[in-house]
Amino acid sequence: MFKLIRQFYQFLFLAAIFGWQLQSYIMQLPQTGVLGISYLLNNMMAAATFAVLLKLKKKHVDKLGFISLASTLIKFVIFFLVFDPLFQADGEITRREFAVFFIPYAFATTIETFFLVRILNKQTD
């Protein structure tokens, strides 16, 4: 199990760097600024959520789905606190601005969910 946990953090880190570079190239955005902050925050939140879910899996295995949904709510609250004011400066959120938040969010959440399911399945075997 510890091998899977280590693999999660390594994969999340490497995938974040790859995704960040790729999205920056495709969207022709600077790597610093809002895109960099988005990848940093989303991956930090995914790592924290993963750690919390692993810590709670033994005592609250039947509630992990709800805890995961709560973490998603927290991620969106952080989005509205950090990114929404930046994106609403001109009065509207463009597709490009939406992609700056949502692609890193979806990327990190998918990796987090994939590894969590693998760990929970190993535990039941």
C-alpha atoms as a PDB file:
ATOM      1  CA  MET A   1       0.000   0.000   0.000  1.00  0.00           C
ATOM      2  CA  PHE A   2       2.823   2.417   0.790  1.00  0.00           C
ATOM      3  CA  LYS A   3       4.147   1.807  -2.695  1.00  0.00           C
ATOM      4  CA  LEU A   4       0.799   2.952  -4.145  1.00  0.00           C
ATOM      5  CA  ILE A   5       0.783   6.041  -1.945  1.00  0.00           C
ATOM      6  CA  ARG A   6       4.295   6.952  -3.064  1.00  0.00           C
ATOM      7  CA  GLN A   7       3.299   6.296  -6.682  1.00  0.00           C
ATOM      8  CA  PHE A   8       0.307   8.611  -6.290  1.00  0.00           C
ATOM      9  CA  TYR A   9       2.374  11.564  -5.124  1.00  0.00           C
ATOM     10  CA  GLN A  10       5.048  10.946  -7.764  1.00  0.00           C
ATOM     11  CA  PHE A  11       2.500  10.556 -10.557  1.00  0.00           C
ATOM     12  CA  LEU A  12       0.513  13.588  -9.408  1.00  0.00           C
ATOM     13  CA  PHE A  13       3.671  15.721  -9.386  1.00  0.00           C
ATOM     14  CA  LEU A  14       4.891  14.546 -12.797  1.00  0.00           C
ATOM     15  CA  ALA A  15       1.436  14.712 -14.380  1.00  0.00           C
ATOM     16  CA  ALA A  16       0.955  18.229 -13.015  1.00  0.00           C
ATOM     17  CA  ILE A  17       4.198  19.401 -14.576  1.00  0.00           C
ATOM     18  CA  PHE A  18       3.340  17.743 -17.895  1.00  0.00           C
ATOM     19  CA  GLY A  19      -0.247  19.057 -17.888  1.00  0.00           C
ATOM     20  CA  TRP A  20       0.867  22.539 -16.917  1.00  0.00           C
ATOM     21  CA  GLN A  21       3.454  22.669 -19.705  1.00  0.00           C
ATOM     22  CA  LEU A  22       1.061  21.199 -22.278  1.00  0.00           C
ATOM     23  CA  GLN A  23      -1.822  23.490 -21.390  1.00  0.00           C
ATOM     24  CA  SER A  24       0.484  26.497 -21.384  1.00  0.00           C
ATOM     25  CA  TYR A  25       1.745  25.553 -24.852  1.00  0.00           C
ATOM     26  CA  ILE A  26      -1.668  24.757 -26.376  1.00  0.00           C
ATOM     27  CA  MET A  27      -3.426  27.798 -24.925  1.00  0.00           C
ATOM     28  CA  GLN A  28      -0.378  30.010 -25.464  1.00  0.00           C
ATOM     29  CA  LEU A  29      -0.423  31.193 -21.872  1.00  0.00           C
ATOM     30  CA  PRO A  30       2.553  32.130 -19.724  1.00  0.00           C
ATOM     31  CA  GLN A  31       3.527  29.356 -17.328  1.00  0.00           C
ATOM     32  CA  THR A  32       3.492  31.760 -14.422  1.00  0.00           C
ATOM     33  CA  GLY A  33       0.474  33.680 -13.271  1.00  0.00           C
ATOM     34  CA  VAL A  34      -3.033  32.280 -13.027  1.00  0.00           C
ATOM     35  CA  LEU A  35      -2.298  29.002 -14.828  1.00  0.00           C
ATOM     36  CA  GLY A  36       0.618  28.189 -12.523  1.00  0.00           C
ATOM     37  CA  ILE A  37      -1.443  29.088  -9.454  1.00  0.00           C
ATOM     38  CA  SER A  38      -4.296  26.919 -10.713  1.00  0.00           C
ATOM     39  CA  TYR A  39      -2.076  23.854 -11.130  1.00  0.00           C
ATOM     40  CA  LEU A  40      -0.381  24.474  -7.807  1.00  0.00           C
ATOM     41  CA  LEU A  41      -3.627  24.897  -5.843  1.00  0.00           C
ATOM     42  CA  ASN A  42      -5.473  22.036  -7.537  1.00  0.00           C
ATOM     43  CA  ASN A  43      -2.626  19.600  -6.996  1.00  0.00           C
ATOM     44  CA  MET A  44      -2.070  20.698  -3.404  1.00  0.00           C
ATOM     45  CA  MET A  45      -5.782  20.213  -2.743  1.00  0.00           C
ATOM     46  CA  ALA A  46      -5.748  16.784  -4.423  1.00  0.00           C
ATOM     47  CA  ALA A  47      -2.742  15.723  -2.346  1.00  0.00           C
ATOM     48  CA  ALA A  48      -4.390  16.976   0.858  1.00  0.00           C
ATOM     49  CA  THR A  49      -7.711  15.312   0.032  1.00  0.00           C
ATOM     50  CA  PHE A  50      -5.939  12.041  -0.743  1.00  0.00           C
ATOM     51  CA  ALA A  51      -4.100  12.176   2.586  1.00  0.00           C
ATOM     52  CA  VAL A  52      -7.314  12.924   4.515  1.00  0.00           C
ATOM     53  CA  LEU A  53      -9.235  10.137   2.783  1.00  0.00           C
ATOM     54  CA  LEU A  54      -6.453   7.655   3.492  1.00  0.00           C
ATOM     55  CA  LYS A  55      -6.382   8.695   7.128  1.00  0.00           C
ATOM     56  CA  LEU A  56     -10.154   8.287   7.465  1.00  0.00           C
ATOM     57  CA  LYS A  57     -10.522   5.080   5.437  1.00  0.00           C
ATOM     58  CA  LYS A  58     -10.234   2.722   8.406  1.00  0.00           C
ATOM     59  CA  LYS A  59     -12.635   4.475  10.759  1.00  0.00           C
ATOM     60  CA  HIS A  60     -15.111   5.895   8.240  1.00  0.00           C
ATOM     61  CA  VAL A  61     -14.942   3.662   5.171  1.00  0.00           C
ATOM     62  CA  ASP A  62     -18.718   3.910   4.723  1.00  0.00           C
ATOM     63  CA  LYS A  63     -18.519   7.725   4.619  1.00  0.00           C
ATOM     64  CA  LEU A  64     -15.599   8.156   2.208  1.00  0.00           C
ATOM     65  CA  GLY A  65     -17.895   9.031  -0.697  1.00  0.00           C
ATOM     66  CA  PHE A  66     -19.472  11.861   1.270  1.00  0.00           C
ATOM     67  CA  ILE A  67     -16.080  13.066   2.469  1.00  0.00           C
ATOM     68  CA  SER A  68     -14.857  13.064  -1.132  1.00  0.00           C
ATOM     69  CA  LEU A  69     -17.900  15.082  -2.205  1.00  0.00           C
ATOM     70  CA  ALA A  70     -17.243  17.525   0.637  1.00  0.00           C
ATOM     71  CA  SER A  71     -13.671  17.933  -0.590  1.00  0.00           C
ATOM     72  CA  THR A  72     -15.031  18.771  -4.044  1.00  0.00           C
ATOM     73  CA  LEU A  73     -17.231  21.427  -2.465  1.00  0.00           C
ATOM     74  CA  ILE A  74     -14.211  22.846  -0.652  1.00  0.00           C
ATOM     75  CA  LYS A  75     -12.254  22.938  -3.926  1.00  0.00           C
ATOM     76  CA  PHE A  76     -15.038  24.920  -5.601  1.00  0.00           C
ATOM     77  CA  VAL A  77     -15.265  27.313  -2.641  1.00  0.00           C
ATOM     78  CA  ILE A  78     -11.532  27.937  -2.974  1.00  0.00           C
ATOM     79  CA  PHE A  79     -12.078  28.522  -6.701  1.00  0.00           C
ATOM     80  CA  PHE A  80     -14.682  31.168  -5.961  1.00  0.00           C
ATOM     81  CA  LEU A  81     -12.462  32.813  -3.369  1.00  0.00           C
ATOM     82  CA  VAL A  82      -9.226  32.792  -5.407  1.00  0.00           C
ATOM     83  CA  PHE A  83     -10.020  32.639  -9.109  1.00  0.00           C
ATOM     84  CA  ASP A  84     -13.510  34.053  -9.549  1.00  0.00           C
ATOM     85  CA  PRO A  85     -12.497  37.608  -8.570  1.00  0.00           C
ATOM     86  CA  LEU A  86      -9.661  37.465 -11.121  1.00  0.00           C
ATOM     87  CA  PHE A  87     -11.894  36.096 -13.854  1.00  0.00           C
ATOM     88  CA  GLN A  88     -14.799  38.440 -13.114  1.00  0.00           C
ATOM     89  CA  ALA A  89     -12.625  41.558 -13.416  1.00  0.00           C
ATOM     90  CA  ASP A  90     -13.986  42.139 -16.929  1.00  0.00           C
ATOM     91  CA  GLY A  91     -17.520  41.080 -16.013  1.00  0.00           C
ATOM     92  CA  GLU A  92     -17.568  37.644 -17.673  1.00  0.00           C
ATOM     93  CA  ILE A  93     -15.814  34.297 -17.539  1.00  0.00           C
ATOM     94  CA  THR A  94     -14.513  33.230 -20.945  1.00  0.00           C
ATOM     95  CA  ARG A  95     -13.951  29.648 -22.090  1.00  0.00           C
ATOM     96  CA  ARG A  96     -10.235  30.249 -21.759  1.00  0.00           C
ATOM     97  CA  GLU A  97     -10.593  31.381 -18.136  1.00  0.00           C
ATOM     98  CA  PHE A  98     -12.834  28.405 -17.401  1.00  0.00           C
ATOM     99  CA  ALA A  99     -10.211  26.059 -18.902  1.00  0.00           C
ATOM    100  CA  VAL A 100      -7.487  27.612 -16.722  1.00  0.00           C
ATOM    101  CA  PHE A 101      -9.348  26.385 -13.651  1.00  0.00           C
ATOM    102  CA  PHE A 102     -11.229  23.320 -14.852  1.00  0.00           C
ATOM    103  CA  ILE A 103      -8.512  21.412 -16.740  1.00  0.00           C
ATOM    104  CA  PRO A 104      -6.107  21.355 -13.751  1.00  0.00           C
ATOM    105  CA  TYR A 105      -9.046  20.546 -11.445  1.00  0.00           C
ATOM    106  CA  ALA A 106     -10.227  17.628 -13.610  1.00  0.00           C
ATOM    107  CA  PHE A 107      -6.668  16.385 -14.095  1.00  0.00           C
ATOM    108  CA  ALA A 108      -5.858  16.325 -10.364  1.00  0.00           C
ATOM    109  CA  THR A 109      -9.245  14.929  -9.333  1.00  0.00           C
ATOM    110  CA  THR A 110      -9.037  12.104 -11.880  1.00  0.00           C
ATOM    111  CA  ILE A 111      -5.590  11.061 -10.660  1.00  0.00           C
ATOM    112  CA  GLU A 112      -6.702  11.316  -7.030  1.00  0.00           C
ATOM    113  CA  THR A 113      -9.801   9.173  -7.658  1.00  0.00           C
ATOM    114  CA  PHE A 114      -7.906   6.561  -9.704  1.00  0.00           C
ATOM    115  CA  PHE A 115      -5.312   5.963  -6.984  1.00  0.00           C
ATOM    116  CA  LEU A 116      -7.849   6.052  -4.158  1.00  0.00           C
ATOM    117  CA  VAL A 117      -9.943   3.372  -5.881  1.00  0.00           C
ATOM    118  CA  ARG A 118      -6.826   1.222  -6.401  1.00  0.00           C
ATOM    119  CA  ILE A 119      -5.927   1.501  -2.715  1.00  0.00           C
ATOM    120  CA  LEU A 120      -9.460   0.775  -1.522  1.00  0.00           C
ATOM    121  CA  ASN A 121      -9.707  -2.228  -3.876  1.00  0.00           C
ATOM    122  CA  LYS A 122      -6.396  -3.606  -2.568  1.00  0.00           C
ATOM    123  CA  GLN A 123      -7.706  -3.268   0.959  1.00  0.00           C
ATOM    124  CA  THR A 124     -10.817  -5.361   0.197  1.00  0.00           C
ATOM    125  CA  ASP A 125      -8.840  -8.127  -1.570  1.00  0.00           C
END
